Amino acid sequence: MKVVSTSTDRKLVAGEVLNRLGKSSFRDKPEVKSVLDKVLESAKGTPEYIEVVQGFGLSGKDAEVLQAALAEPHNPLAVEAIKLLLKSPGGRTQLTSALTSPKADAVVALLGGSGDKGAINLLSEILTNATRELPVRAASVKALSLSAAGAEALLALAESGKFPEELKANAGTALSMVAYPGISDRVAKTFPAATAAGGKALPPSQNW
């Protein structure tokens, strides 16, 4: 198989590989592995890399999958990459490390957009960790507000007395911009909007 480099060609090759070999009992054979290796090398740093890894259930590619997700964070496959990483110890390690890197805000945004239970737990840990940078914690609040399950997690932290005081204005502002069935009264009671409360929300990371 010819290794190609354009985006269109990568998509065609990735799709061809998945269609022809994805369910094949021969995919562990050396010649098949050789084709996969070539496709992965060609697709490295692109959404197609995520597609191939996911389609074949490949392991040991966590760093490369995260790199591909961060290269095009607005591509739907970037969120799929986050869900994939959350399923393995190695993937979770990569995400945790990335949360201390210059790409932390992008990782937080992808975690929030995934709506994954593991992502919600990780974001909750970040926002309650007083040793983490405040902008990243503020970004975690906003990320959690992007899904109904995340909003529920914010409320649960507040109602249990575990929500950081310095981030309540952020939660009020973020939750005032979304609407989820059955929680509006709780939001109004627990997180008054920053303007109504006279508070000022801390800005999240600049690249959020």
N, C-alpha and C. Protein backbone atom coordinates (compact mmCIF):
# COMPACT_ATOMS: atom_id res chain seq x y z
N MET A 1 0.84 -1.20 0.00
CA MET A 1 0.00 0.00 0.00
C MET A 1 0.88 1.25 0.00
N LYS A 2 0.51 2.18 -0.83
CA LYS A 2 1.27 3.42 -0.93
C LYS A 2 0.95 4.32 0.26
N VAL A 3 1.96 4.86 0.90
CA VAL A 3 1.76 5.78 2.01
C VAL A 3 1.51 7.17 1.45
N VAL A 4 0.43 7.82 1.90
CA VAL A 4 0.05 9.11 1.36
C VAL A 4 0.07 10.16 2.45
N SER A 5 0.05 11.42 2.02
CA SER A 5 0.23 12.47 3.02
C SER A 5 -0.87 13.51 3.08
N THR A 6 -1.68 13.67 2.04
CA THR A 6 -2.71 14.69 2.09
C THR A 6 -3.84 14.25 2.99
N SER A 7 -4.60 15.23 3.50
CA SER A 7 -5.70 14.93 4.41
C SER A 7 -6.73 14.02 3.75
N THR A 8 -7.10 14.34 2.52
CA THR A 8 -8.10 13.53 1.81
C THR A 8 -7.62 12.11 1.63
N ASP A 9 -6.36 11.95 1.22
CA ASP A 9 -5.82 10.61 1.01
C ASP A 9 -5.72 9.84 2.32
N ARG A 10 -5.36 10.53 3.40
CA ARG A 10 -5.28 9.84 4.70
C ARG A 10 -6.65 9.29 5.09
N LYS A 11 -7.70 10.08 4.87
CA LYS A 11 -9.05 9.63 5.21
C LYS A 11 -9.44 8.41 4.38
N LEU A 12 -9.10 8.45 3.09
CA LEU A 12 -9.43 7.33 2.22
C LEU A 12 -8.69 6.06 2.63
N VAL A 13 -7.41 6.23 2.95
CA VAL A 13 -6.60 5.07 3.35
C VAL A 13 -7.07 4.52 4.69
N ALA A 14 -7.34 5.40 5.64
CA ALA A 14 -7.81 4.95 6.95
C ALA A 14 -9.12 4.20 6.80
N GLY A 15 -10.02 4.75 5.98
CA GLY A 15 -11.31 4.09 5.78
C GLY A 15 -11.15 2.75 5.10
N GLU A 16 -10.25 2.68 4.13
CA GLU A 16 -10.01 1.42 3.42
C GLU A 16 -9.46 0.36 4.36
N VAL A 17 -8.51 0.76 5.18
CA VAL A 17 -7.91 -0.19 6.12
C VAL A 17 -8.95 -0.71 7.09
N LEU A 18 -9.76 0.20 7.63
CA LEU A 18 -10.78 -0.22 8.59
C LEU A 18 -11.80 -1.14 7.94
N ASN A 19 -12.23 -0.80 6.74
CA ASN A 19 -13.25 -1.60 6.06
C ASN A 19 -12.74 -2.98 5.69
N ARG A 20 -11.50 -3.06 5.24
CA ARG A 20 -10.97 -4.34 4.76
C ARG A 20 -10.42 -5.24 5.86
N LEU A 21 -9.84 -4.60 6.88
CA LEU A 21 -9.13 -5.40 7.88
C LEU A 21 -9.71 -5.33 9.28
N GLY A 22 -10.59 -4.38 9.52
CA GLY A 22 -11.08 -4.15 10.88
C GLY A 22 -11.68 -5.36 11.55
N LYS A 23 -12.40 -6.17 10.78
CA LYS A 23 -13.03 -7.36 11.35
C LYS A 23 -12.31 -8.65 10.94
N SER A 24 -11.17 -8.48 10.33
CA SER A 24 -10.45 -9.63 9.78
C SER A 24 -9.72 -10.42 10.85
N SER A 25 -9.75 -11.74 10.70
CA SER A 25 -9.01 -12.60 11.62
C SER A 25 -7.52 -12.61 11.30
N PHE A 26 -7.15 -11.93 10.19
CA PHE A 26 -5.75 -11.92 9.76
C PHE A 26 -5.02 -10.66 10.23
N ARG A 27 -5.66 -9.82 11.01
CA ARG A 27 -5.07 -8.51 11.30
C ARG A 27 -3.81 -8.59 12.17
N ASP A 28 -3.58 -9.74 12.82
CA ASP A 28 -2.37 -9.88 13.64
C ASP A 28 -1.19 -10.45 12.84
N LYS A 29 -1.43 -10.74 11.57
CA LYS A 29 -0.35 -11.26 10.75
C LYS A 29 0.67 -10.17 10.45
N PRO A 30 1.94 -10.53 10.26
CA PRO A 30 3.00 -9.54 10.02
C PRO A 30 2.71 -8.59 8.88
N GLU A 31 2.17 -9.11 7.76
CA GLU A 31 1.93 -8.24 6.61
C GLU A 31 0.83 -7.21 6.90
N VAL A 32 -0.16 -7.62 7.69
CA VAL A 32 -1.24 -6.70 8.06
C VAL A 32 -0.70 -5.65 9.03
N LYS A 33 0.10 -6.10 9.98
CA LYS A 33 0.71 -5.17 10.93
C LYS A 33 1.57 -4.15 10.21
N SER A 34 2.26 -4.60 9.16
CA SER A 34 3.11 -3.70 8.39
C SER A 34 2.28 -2.61 7.73
N VAL A 35 1.13 -2.97 7.19
CA VAL A 35 0.23 -1.99 6.57
C VAL A 35 -0.27 -1.01 7.62
N LEU A 36 -0.68 -1.54 8.77
CA LEU A 36 -1.16 -0.68 9.85
C LEU A 36 -0.10 0.31 10.29
N ASP A 37 1.11 -0.17 10.45
CA ASP A 37 2.20 0.70 10.89
C ASP A 37 2.42 1.85 9.90
N LYS A 38 2.33 1.54 8.61
CA LYS A 38 2.52 2.57 7.59
C LYS A 38 1.39 3.60 7.62
N VAL A 39 0.16 3.11 7.79
CA VAL A 39 -0.98 4.02 7.85
C VAL A 39 -0.89 4.91 9.08
N LEU A 40 -0.52 4.32 10.21
CA LEU A 40 -0.39 5.10 11.44
C LEU A 40 0.69 6.15 11.32
N GLU A 41 1.80 5.80 10.72
CA GLU A 41 2.89 6.76 10.55
C GLU A 41 2.45 7.91 9.66
N SER A 42 1.72 7.60 8.61
CA SER A 42 1.25 8.63 7.70
C SER A 42 0.21 9.54 8.36
N ALA A 43 -0.61 8.94 9.23
CA ALA A 43 -1.73 9.69 9.84
C ALA A 43 -1.38 10.32 11.18
N LYS A 44 -0.15 10.17 11.64
CA LYS A 44 0.23 10.68 12.97
C LYS A 44 -0.07 12.17 13.09
N GLY A 45 -0.67 12.53 14.22
CA GLY A 45 -0.99 13.94 14.45
C GLY A 45 -2.26 14.40 13.77
N THR A 46 -3.06 13.46 13.25
CA THR A 46 -4.30 13.82 12.55
C THR A 46 -5.47 13.02 13.14
N PRO A 47 -6.71 13.46 12.87
CA PRO A 47 -7.88 12.71 13.35
C PRO A 47 -7.94 11.28 12.83
N GLU A 48 -7.38 11.06 11.64
CA GLU A 48 -7.40 9.71 11.07
C GLU A 48 -6.60 8.73 11.93
N TYR A 49 -5.59 9.24 12.61
CA TYR A 49 -4.81 8.38 13.51
C TYR A 49 -5.73 7.83 14.61
N ILE A 50 -6.55 8.71 15.16
CA ILE A 50 -7.50 8.31 16.21
C ILE A 50 -8.46 7.25 15.68
N GLU A 51 -8.94 7.47 14.46
CA GLU A 51 -9.90 6.56 13.85
C GLU A 51 -9.33 5.15 13.70
N VAL A 52 -8.08 5.06 13.25
CA VAL A 52 -7.46 3.76 13.06
C VAL A 52 -7.21 3.06 14.40
N VAL A 53 -6.68 3.80 15.37
CA VAL A 53 -6.42 3.23 16.70
C VAL A 53 -7.71 2.73 17.33
N GLN A 54 -8.75 3.53 17.23
CA GLN A 54 -10.05 3.15 17.79
C GLN A 54 -10.64 1.96 17.06
N GLY A 55 -10.57 2.00 15.73
CA GLY A 55 -11.17 0.94 14.93
C GLY A 55 -10.53 -0.41 15.15
N PHE A 56 -9.23 -0.44 15.39
CA PHE A 56 -8.52 -1.70 15.59
C PHE A 56 -8.30 -2.04 17.06
N GLY A 57 -8.72 -1.14 17.94
CA GLY A 57 -8.53 -1.41 19.36
C GLY A 57 -7.07 -1.53 19.72
N LEU A 58 -6.23 -0.69 19.10
CA LEU A 58 -4.79 -0.77 19.34
C LEU A 58 -4.43 -0.21 20.71
N SER A 59 -3.45 -0.80 21.36
CA SER A 59 -3.01 -0.32 22.68
C SER A 59 -1.60 0.27 22.56
N GLY A 60 -1.19 0.97 23.61
CA GLY A 60 0.15 1.54 23.62
C GLY A 60 0.33 2.76 22.74
N LYS A 61 -0.77 3.37 22.31
CA LYS A 61 -0.71 4.54 21.43
C LYS A 61 -1.24 5.80 22.12
N ASP A 62 -1.27 5.80 23.44
CA ASP A 62 -1.93 6.87 24.19
C ASP A 62 -1.34 8.26 23.91
N ALA A 63 -0.02 8.36 23.93
CA ALA A 63 0.61 9.67 23.69
C ALA A 63 0.28 10.19 22.31
N GLU A 64 0.32 9.31 21.32
CA GLU A 64 0.04 9.72 19.94
C GLU A 64 -1.44 10.09 19.75
N VAL A 65 -2.33 9.36 20.43
CA VAL A 65 -3.76 9.66 20.34
C VAL A 65 -4.05 11.04 20.93
N LEU A 66 -3.44 11.34 22.07
CA LEU A 66 -3.64 12.65 22.68
C LEU A 66 -3.06 13.75 21.78
N GLN A 67 -1.90 13.50 21.20
CA GLN A 67 -1.29 14.47 20.29
C GLN A 67 -2.22 14.77 19.11
N ALA A 68 -2.83 13.73 18.56
CA ALA A 68 -3.75 13.91 17.44
C ALA A 68 -4.99 14.68 17.86
N ALA A 69 -5.49 14.42 19.06
CA ALA A 69 -6.68 15.13 19.55
C ALA A 69 -6.40 16.61 19.74
N LEU A 70 -5.24 16.92 20.26
CA LEU A 70 -4.89 18.32 20.53
C LEU A 70 -4.51 19.08 19.26
N ALA A 71 -4.14 18.34 18.21
CA ALA A 71 -3.80 18.99 16.95
C ALA A 71 -5.03 19.59 16.28
N GLU A 72 -6.18 18.92 16.46
CA GLU A 72 -7.45 19.41 15.90
C GLU A 72 -8.55 19.21 16.94
N PRO A 73 -8.53 20.01 18.01
CA PRO A 73 -9.46 19.80 19.13
C PRO A 73 -10.93 20.00 18.78
N HIS A 74 -11.24 20.68 17.68
CA HIS A 74 -12.63 20.90 17.31
C HIS A 74 -13.18 19.79 16.41
N ASN A 75 -12.35 18.85 16.03
CA ASN A 75 -12.81 17.71 15.25
C ASN A 75 -13.54 16.74 16.18
N PRO A 76 -14.70 16.21 15.78
CA PRO A 76 -15.44 15.26 16.63
C PRO A 76 -14.61 14.08 17.11
N LEU A 77 -13.63 13.67 16.31
CA LEU A 77 -12.79 12.54 16.70
C LEU A 77 -11.89 12.88 17.89
N ALA A 78 -11.67 14.16 18.15
CA ALA A 78 -10.86 14.56 19.32
C ALA A 78 -11.57 14.15 20.61
N VAL A 79 -12.88 14.33 20.64
CA VAL A 79 -13.65 13.92 21.82
C VAL A 79 -13.63 12.40 21.95
N GLU A 80 -13.72 11.70 20.81
CA GLU A 80 -13.64 10.24 20.85
C GLU A 80 -12.29 9.80 21.40
N ALA A 81 -11.25 10.55 21.08
CA ALA A 81 -9.92 10.23 21.58
C ALA A 81 -9.87 10.34 23.10
N ILE A 82 -10.50 11.39 23.63
CA ILE A 82 -10.52 11.58 25.09
C ILE A 82 -11.24 10.41 25.76
N LYS A 83 -12.36 10.00 25.20
CA LYS A 83 -13.10 8.86 25.76
C LYS A 83 -12.25 7.59 25.72
N LEU A 84 -11.52 7.43 24.63
CA LEU A 84 -10.63 6.27 24.48
C LEU A 84 -9.54 6.29 25.54
N LEU A 85 -8.93 7.45 25.75
CA LEU A 85 -7.85 7.57 26.73
C LEU A 85 -8.33 7.33 28.15
N LEU A 86 -9.54 7.72 28.44
CA LEU A 86 -10.08 7.56 29.80
C LEU A 86 -10.32 6.09 30.16
N LYS A 87 -10.31 5.21 29.16
CA LYS A 87 -10.59 3.80 29.41
C LYS A 87 -9.38 3.01 29.88
N SER A 88 -8.18 3.59 29.75
CA SER A 88 -6.98 2.84 30.12
C SER A 88 -6.13 3.61 31.11
N PRO A 89 -5.42 2.89 31.99
CA PRO A 89 -4.53 3.56 32.94
C PRO A 89 -3.50 4.43 32.24
N GLY A 90 -2.94 3.94 31.12
CA GLY A 90 -1.95 4.72 30.39
C GLY A 90 -2.54 5.98 29.81
N GLY A 91 -3.77 5.88 29.32
CA GLY A 91 -4.44 7.05 28.77
C GLY A 91 -4.73 8.09 29.83
N ARG A 92 -5.17 7.63 30.99
CA ARG A 92 -5.46 8.57 32.09
C ARG A 92 -4.18 9.24 32.57
N THR A 93 -3.08 8.50 32.55
CA THR A 93 -1.80 9.09 32.92
C THR A 93 -1.41 10.19 31.94
N GLN A 94 -1.61 9.95 30.66
CA GLN A 94 -1.31 10.97 29.64
C GLN A 94 -2.16 12.22 29.86
N LEU A 95 -3.42 12.04 30.15
CA LEU A 95 -4.31 13.19 30.37
C LEU A 95 -3.89 13.97 31.61
N THR A 96 -3.58 13.26 32.67
CA THR A 96 -3.16 13.93 33.91
C THR A 96 -1.89 14.73 33.70
N SER A 97 -0.94 14.16 32.96
CA SER A 97 0.30 14.88 32.67
C SER A 97 0.04 16.11 31.81
N ALA A 98 -0.86 15.97 30.85
CA ALA A 98 -1.18 17.09 29.96
C ALA A 98 -1.83 18.25 30.70
N LEU A 99 -2.46 17.94 31.82
CA LEU A 99 -3.13 18.98 32.61
C LEU A 99 -2.14 19.88 33.35
N THR A 100 -0.87 19.54 33.28
CA THR A 100 0.15 20.42 33.87
C THR A 100 1.01 21.03 32.77
N SER A 101 0.57 20.91 31.53
CA SER A 101 1.32 21.42 30.39
C SER A 101 0.67 22.68 29.83
N PRO A 102 1.31 23.35 28.88
CA PRO A 102 0.70 24.53 28.25
C PRO A 102 -0.60 24.21 27.52
N LYS A 103 -0.87 22.92 27.28
CA LYS A 103 -2.10 22.50 26.59
C LYS A 103 -3.23 22.19 27.56
N ALA A 104 -3.05 22.53 28.83
CA ALA A 104 -4.01 22.16 29.86
C ALA A 104 -5.42 22.65 29.54
N ASP A 105 -5.55 23.89 29.08
CA ASP A 105 -6.88 24.42 28.82
C ASP A 105 -7.58 23.66 27.70
N ALA A 106 -6.83 23.26 26.67
CA ALA A 106 -7.41 22.49 25.57
C ALA A 106 -7.86 21.11 26.04
N VAL A 107 -7.06 20.50 26.91
CA VAL A 107 -7.42 19.19 27.45
C VAL A 107 -8.68 19.30 28.30
N VAL A 108 -8.76 20.33 29.12
CA VAL A 108 -9.93 20.55 29.96
C VAL A 108 -11.19 20.72 29.09
N ALA A 109 -11.07 21.49 28.02
CA ALA A 109 -12.20 21.72 27.13
C ALA A 109 -12.68 20.41 26.50
N LEU A 110 -11.75 19.56 26.08
CA LEU A 110 -12.12 18.28 25.49
C LEU A 110 -12.74 17.35 26.52
N LEU A 111 -12.22 17.37 27.73
CA LEU A 111 -12.81 16.55 28.79
C LEU A 111 -14.25 16.96 29.04
N GLY A 112 -14.49 18.26 29.09
CA GLY A 112 -15.85 18.75 29.32
C GLY A 112 -16.77 18.40 28.17
N GLY A 113 -16.29 18.51 26.95
CA GLY A 113 -17.11 18.22 25.79
C GLY A 113 -17.45 16.75 25.64
N SER A 114 -16.67 15.88 26.28
CA SER A 114 -16.91 14.44 26.14
C SER A 114 -18.14 13.97 26.92
N GLY A 115 -18.44 14.64 28.04
CA GLY A 115 -19.56 14.21 28.87
C GLY A 115 -19.33 12.86 29.53
N ASP A 116 -18.13 12.34 29.43
CA ASP A 116 -17.79 11.02 29.98
C ASP A 116 -17.73 11.07 31.50
N LYS A 117 -18.18 10.01 32.14
CA LYS A 117 -18.18 9.97 33.61
C LYS A 117 -16.76 10.13 34.17
N GLY A 118 -15.80 9.45 33.52
CA GLY A 118 -14.42 9.57 33.97
C GLY A 118 -13.90 10.98 33.82
N ALA A 119 -14.32 11.65 32.75
CA ALA A 119 -13.91 13.04 32.52
C ALA A 119 -14.49 13.95 33.58
N ILE A 120 -15.75 13.72 33.92
CA ILE A 120 -16.41 14.54 34.95
C ILE A 120 -15.71 14.37 36.29
N ASN A 121 -15.34 13.15 36.62
CA ASN A 121 -14.62 12.91 37.88
C ASN A 121 -13.27 13.61 37.90
N LEU A 122 -12.56 13.56 36.77
CA LEU A 122 -11.25 14.18 36.68
C LEU A 122 -11.36 15.70 36.78
N LEU A 123 -12.33 16.28 36.10
CA LEU A 123 -12.53 17.74 36.16
C LEU A 123 -12.94 18.17 37.57
N SER A 124 -13.73 17.36 38.22
CA SER A 124 -14.14 17.68 39.60
C SER A 124 -12.94 17.68 40.53
N GLU A 125 -12.03 16.74 40.31
CA GLU A 125 -10.81 16.68 41.12
C GLU A 125 -9.96 17.92 40.90
N ILE A 126 -9.90 18.38 39.64
CA ILE A 126 -9.08 19.55 39.32
C ILE A 126 -9.63 20.79 40.01
N LEU A 127 -10.93 21.02 39.90
CA LEU A 127 -11.49 22.27 40.43
C LEU A 127 -11.45 22.33 41.95
N THR A 128 -11.41 21.18 42.62
CA THR A 128 -11.35 21.18 44.09
C THR A 128 -9.92 21.10 44.62
N ASN A 129 -8.94 21.00 43.72
CA ASN A 129 -7.54 20.89 44.12
C ASN A 129 -6.93 22.28 44.25
N ALA A 130 -6.76 22.74 45.45
CA ALA A 130 -6.26 24.10 45.70
C ALA A 130 -4.82 24.30 45.25
N THR A 131 -4.10 23.22 44.94
CA THR A 131 -2.71 23.36 44.51
C THR A 131 -2.61 23.59 43.00
N ARG A 132 -3.71 23.39 42.28
CA ARG A 132 -3.70 23.60 40.84
C ARG A 132 -3.85 25.08 40.51
N GLU A 133 -3.43 25.48 39.30
CA GLU A 133 -3.52 26.87 38.88
C GLU A 133 -4.99 27.29 38.79
N LEU A 134 -5.28 28.49 39.31
CA LEU A 134 -6.67 28.96 39.31
C LEU A 134 -7.29 29.03 37.91
N PRO A 135 -6.58 29.50 36.89
CA PRO A 135 -7.20 29.53 35.56
C PRO A 135 -7.62 28.16 35.06
N VAL A 136 -6.81 27.12 35.35
CA VAL A 136 -7.16 25.77 34.93
C VAL A 136 -8.37 25.27 35.71
N ARG A 137 -8.43 25.60 36.99
CA ARG A 137 -9.59 25.20 37.80
C ARG A 137 -10.85 25.92 37.32
N ALA A 138 -10.71 27.19 36.95
CA ALA A 138 -11.85 27.93 36.42
C ALA A 138 -12.30 27.34 35.09
N ALA A 139 -11.35 26.92 34.26
CA ALA A 139 -11.69 26.28 32.99
C ALA A 139 -12.42 24.96 33.23
N SER A 140 -12.06 24.26 34.30
CA SER A 140 -12.73 23.01 34.65
C SER A 140 -14.19 23.24 35.00
N VAL A 141 -14.45 24.34 35.69
CA VAL A 141 -15.83 24.68 36.02
C VAL A 141 -16.64 24.90 34.75
N LYS A 142 -16.09 25.69 33.84
CA LYS A 142 -16.79 25.95 32.58
C LYS A 142 -16.98 24.67 31.79
N ALA A 143 -15.97 23.82 31.76
CA ALA A 143 -16.06 22.55 31.03
C ALA A 143 -17.18 21.68 31.59
N LEU A 144 -17.29 21.62 32.90
CA LEU A 144 -18.35 20.81 33.52
C LEU A 144 -19.74 21.35 33.19
N SER A 145 -19.84 22.65 33.01
CA SER A 145 -21.16 23.23 32.70
C SER A 145 -21.64 22.87 31.30
N LEU A 146 -20.78 22.28 30.48
CA LEU A 146 -21.12 21.98 29.10
C LEU A 146 -22.01 20.75 28.94
N SER A 147 -22.22 20.00 30.01
CA SER A 147 -23.10 18.83 29.94
C SER A 147 -23.99 18.77 31.16
N ALA A 148 -25.14 18.13 31.02
CA ALA A 148 -26.08 18.01 32.14
C ALA A 148 -25.44 17.25 33.30
N ALA A 149 -24.69 16.19 32.96
CA ALA A 149 -24.03 15.41 34.01
C ALA A 149 -22.96 16.24 34.71
N GLY A 150 -22.26 17.08 33.95
CA GLY A 150 -21.25 17.95 34.54
C GLY A 150 -21.88 19.00 35.44
N ALA A 151 -23.00 19.56 35.00
CA ALA A 151 -23.71 20.55 35.83
C ALA A 151 -24.18 19.91 37.12
N GLU A 152 -24.64 18.68 37.03
CA GLU A 152 -25.07 17.95 38.23
C GLU A 152 -23.90 17.75 39.18
N ALA A 153 -22.71 17.50 38.63
CA ALA A 153 -21.52 17.33 39.46
C ALA A 153 -21.17 18.62 40.18
N LEU A 154 -21.30 19.75 39.50
CA LEU A 154 -21.05 21.05 40.13
C LEU A 154 -22.00 21.28 41.29
N LEU A 155 -23.27 20.98 41.06
CA LEU A 155 -24.27 21.15 42.11
C LEU A 155 -24.01 20.22 43.29
N ALA A 156 -23.65 18.98 42.99
CA ALA A 156 -23.39 18.02 44.06
C ALA A 156 -22.23 18.47 44.94
N LEU A 157 -21.19 19.01 44.34
CA LEU A 157 -20.06 19.51 45.12
C LEU A 157 -20.48 20.66 46.02
N ALA A 158 -21.29 21.56 45.47
CA ALA A 158 -21.73 22.72 46.25
C ALA A 158 -22.66 22.30 47.38
N GLU A 159 -23.58 21.41 47.08
CA GLU A 159 -24.57 21.01 48.08
C GLU A 159 -23.96 20.16 49.20
N SER A 160 -22.78 19.60 48.92
CA SER A 160 -22.09 18.83 49.96
C SER A 160 -21.06 19.68 50.70
N GLY A 161 -20.99 20.98 50.33
CA GLY A 161 -20.07 21.89 51.00
C GLY A 161 -18.64 21.78 50.55
N LYS A 162 -18.41 21.15 49.38
CA LYS A 162 -17.04 20.92 48.91
C LYS A 162 -16.62 21.85 47.78
N PHE A 163 -17.52 22.76 47.38
CA PHE A 163 -17.19 23.63 46.24
C PHE A 163 -16.34 24.81 46.70
N PRO A 164 -15.22 25.07 46.04
CA PRO A 164 -14.33 26.18 46.44
C PRO A 164 -15.05 27.53 46.35
N GLU A 165 -14.97 28.30 47.39
CA GLU A 165 -15.64 29.60 47.44
C GLU A 165 -15.18 30.52 46.30
N GLU A 166 -13.88 30.46 46.00
CA GLU A 166 -13.33 31.38 45.00
C GLU A 166 -13.80 31.08 43.58
N LEU A 167 -14.47 29.93 43.38
CA LEU A 167 -14.93 29.57 42.04
C LEU A 167 -16.45 29.57 41.91
N LYS A 168 -17.16 29.95 42.96
CA LYS A 168 -18.62 29.93 42.91
C LYS A 168 -19.17 30.94 41.89
N ALA A 169 -18.52 32.09 41.77
CA ALA A 169 -18.97 33.07 40.79
C ALA A 169 -18.80 32.52 39.37
N ASN A 170 -17.73 31.77 39.16
CA ASN A 170 -17.52 31.15 37.85
C ASN A 170 -18.64 30.15 37.53
N ALA A 171 -18.99 29.35 38.52
CA ALA A 171 -20.05 28.37 38.32
C ALA A 171 -21.38 29.07 38.04
N GLY A 172 -21.66 30.14 38.80
CA GLY A 172 -22.90 30.88 38.58
C GLY A 172 -22.98 31.45 37.18
N THR A 173 -21.89 32.01 36.72
CA THR A 173 -21.85 32.59 35.37
C THR A 173 -22.00 31.50 34.30
N ALA A 174 -21.25 30.41 34.44
CA ALA A 174 -21.28 29.34 33.45
C ALA A 174 -22.65 28.68 33.36
N LEU A 175 -23.26 28.42 34.52
CA LEU A 175 -24.55 27.73 34.53
C LEU A 175 -25.71 28.63 34.14
N SER A 176 -25.49 29.94 34.22
CA SER A 176 -26.55 30.86 33.79
C SER A 176 -26.66 30.90 32.27
N MET A 177 -25.65 30.36 31.58
CA MET A 177 -25.64 30.38 30.12
C MET A 177 -26.15 29.09 29.49
N VAL A 178 -26.52 28.12 30.33
CA VAL A 178 -27.03 26.84 29.81
C VAL A 178 -28.36 26.53 30.52
N ALA A 179 -29.08 25.57 29.99
CA ALA A 179 -30.37 25.20 30.60
C ALA A 179 -30.54 23.69 30.52
N TYR A 180 -30.62 23.07 31.68
CA TYR A 180 -30.83 21.62 31.73
C TYR A 180 -32.10 21.33 32.53
N PRO A 181 -32.95 20.43 32.05
CA PRO A 181 -34.22 20.13 32.72
C PRO A 181 -34.05 19.70 34.17
N GLY A 182 -34.88 20.27 35.03
CA GLY A 182 -34.95 19.81 36.42
C GLY A 182 -33.93 20.36 37.39
N ILE A 183 -33.01 21.23 36.94
CA ILE A 183 -32.00 21.71 37.89
C ILE A 183 -31.94 23.24 37.99
N SER A 184 -32.79 23.93 37.25
CA SER A 184 -32.72 25.40 37.21
C SER A 184 -32.91 26.03 38.59
N ASP A 185 -33.86 25.51 39.38
CA ASP A 185 -34.09 26.07 40.72
C ASP A 185 -32.89 25.84 41.62
N ARG A 186 -32.30 24.66 41.51
CA ARG A 186 -31.12 24.35 42.33
C ARG A 186 -29.94 25.24 41.94
N VAL A 187 -29.79 25.48 40.65
CA VAL A 187 -28.71 26.34 40.18
C VAL A 187 -28.89 27.75 40.73
N ALA A 188 -30.11 28.29 40.62
CA ALA A 188 -30.39 29.65 41.08
C ALA A 188 -30.12 29.79 42.58
N LYS A 189 -30.43 28.74 43.32
CA LYS A 189 -30.25 28.79 44.77
C LYS A 189 -28.78 28.61 45.18
N THR A 190 -28.11 27.70 44.49
CA THR A 190 -26.74 27.34 44.88
C THR A 190 -25.67 28.23 44.27
N PHE A 191 -25.88 28.63 43.02
CA PHE A 191 -24.90 29.44 42.31
C PHE A 191 -25.55 30.69 41.71
N PRO A 192 -25.85 31.68 42.52
CA PRO A 192 -26.39 32.92 41.94
C PRO A 192 -25.41 33.47 40.91
N ALA A 193 -25.93 34.00 39.81
CA ALA A 193 -25.06 34.56 38.77
C ALA A 193 -24.17 35.62 39.37
N ALA A 194 -22.97 35.75 38.87
CA ALA A 194 -21.99 36.69 39.43
C ALA A 194 -22.53 38.11 39.49
N THR A 195 -23.30 38.51 38.49
CA THR A 195 -23.82 39.88 38.48
C THR A 195 -24.84 40.09 39.58
N ALA A 196 -25.67 39.07 39.81
CA ALA A 196 -26.68 39.20 40.84
C ALA A 196 -26.07 39.18 42.22
N ALA A 197 -24.99 38.40 42.36
CA ALA A 197 -24.35 38.26 43.67
C ALA A 197 -23.35 39.37 43.94
N GLY A 198 -23.07 40.17 42.93
CA GLY A 198 -22.09 41.24 43.11
C GLY A 198 -20.67 40.74 43.08
N GLY A 199 -20.48 39.49 42.65
CA GLY A 199 -19.15 38.92 42.60
C GLY A 199 -18.55 39.04 41.21
N LYS A 200 -17.35 38.58 41.07
CA LYS A 200 -16.66 38.64 39.79
C LYS A 200 -16.01 37.30 39.53
N ALA A 201 -16.37 36.72 38.38
CA ALA A 201 -15.82 35.41 38.05
C ALA A 201 -14.36 35.52 37.64
N LEU A 202 -13.59 34.52 38.05
CA LEU A 202 -12.19 34.46 37.65
C LEU A 202 -12.11 33.98 36.21
N PRO A 203 -11.36 34.67 35.36
CA PRO A 203 -11.27 34.23 33.96
C PRO A 203 -10.53 32.91 33.85
N PRO A 204 -11.00 32.01 32.94
CA PRO A 204 -10.27 30.77 32.71
C PRO A 204 -9.02 31.04 31.91
N SER A 205 -8.34 29.95 31.53
CA SER A 205 -7.12 30.11 30.75
C SER A 205 -7.39 30.91 29.48
N GLN A 206 -6.41 31.65 29.02
CA GLN A 206 -6.59 32.54 27.88
C GLN A 206 -6.97 31.81 26.60
N ASN A 207 -6.52 30.57 26.44
CA ASN A 207 -6.80 29.86 25.18
C ASN A 207 -8.09 29.07 25.23
N TRP A 208 -8.89 29.22 26.28
CA TRP A 208 -10.16 28.50 26.41
C TRP A 208 -11.16 28.95 25.39
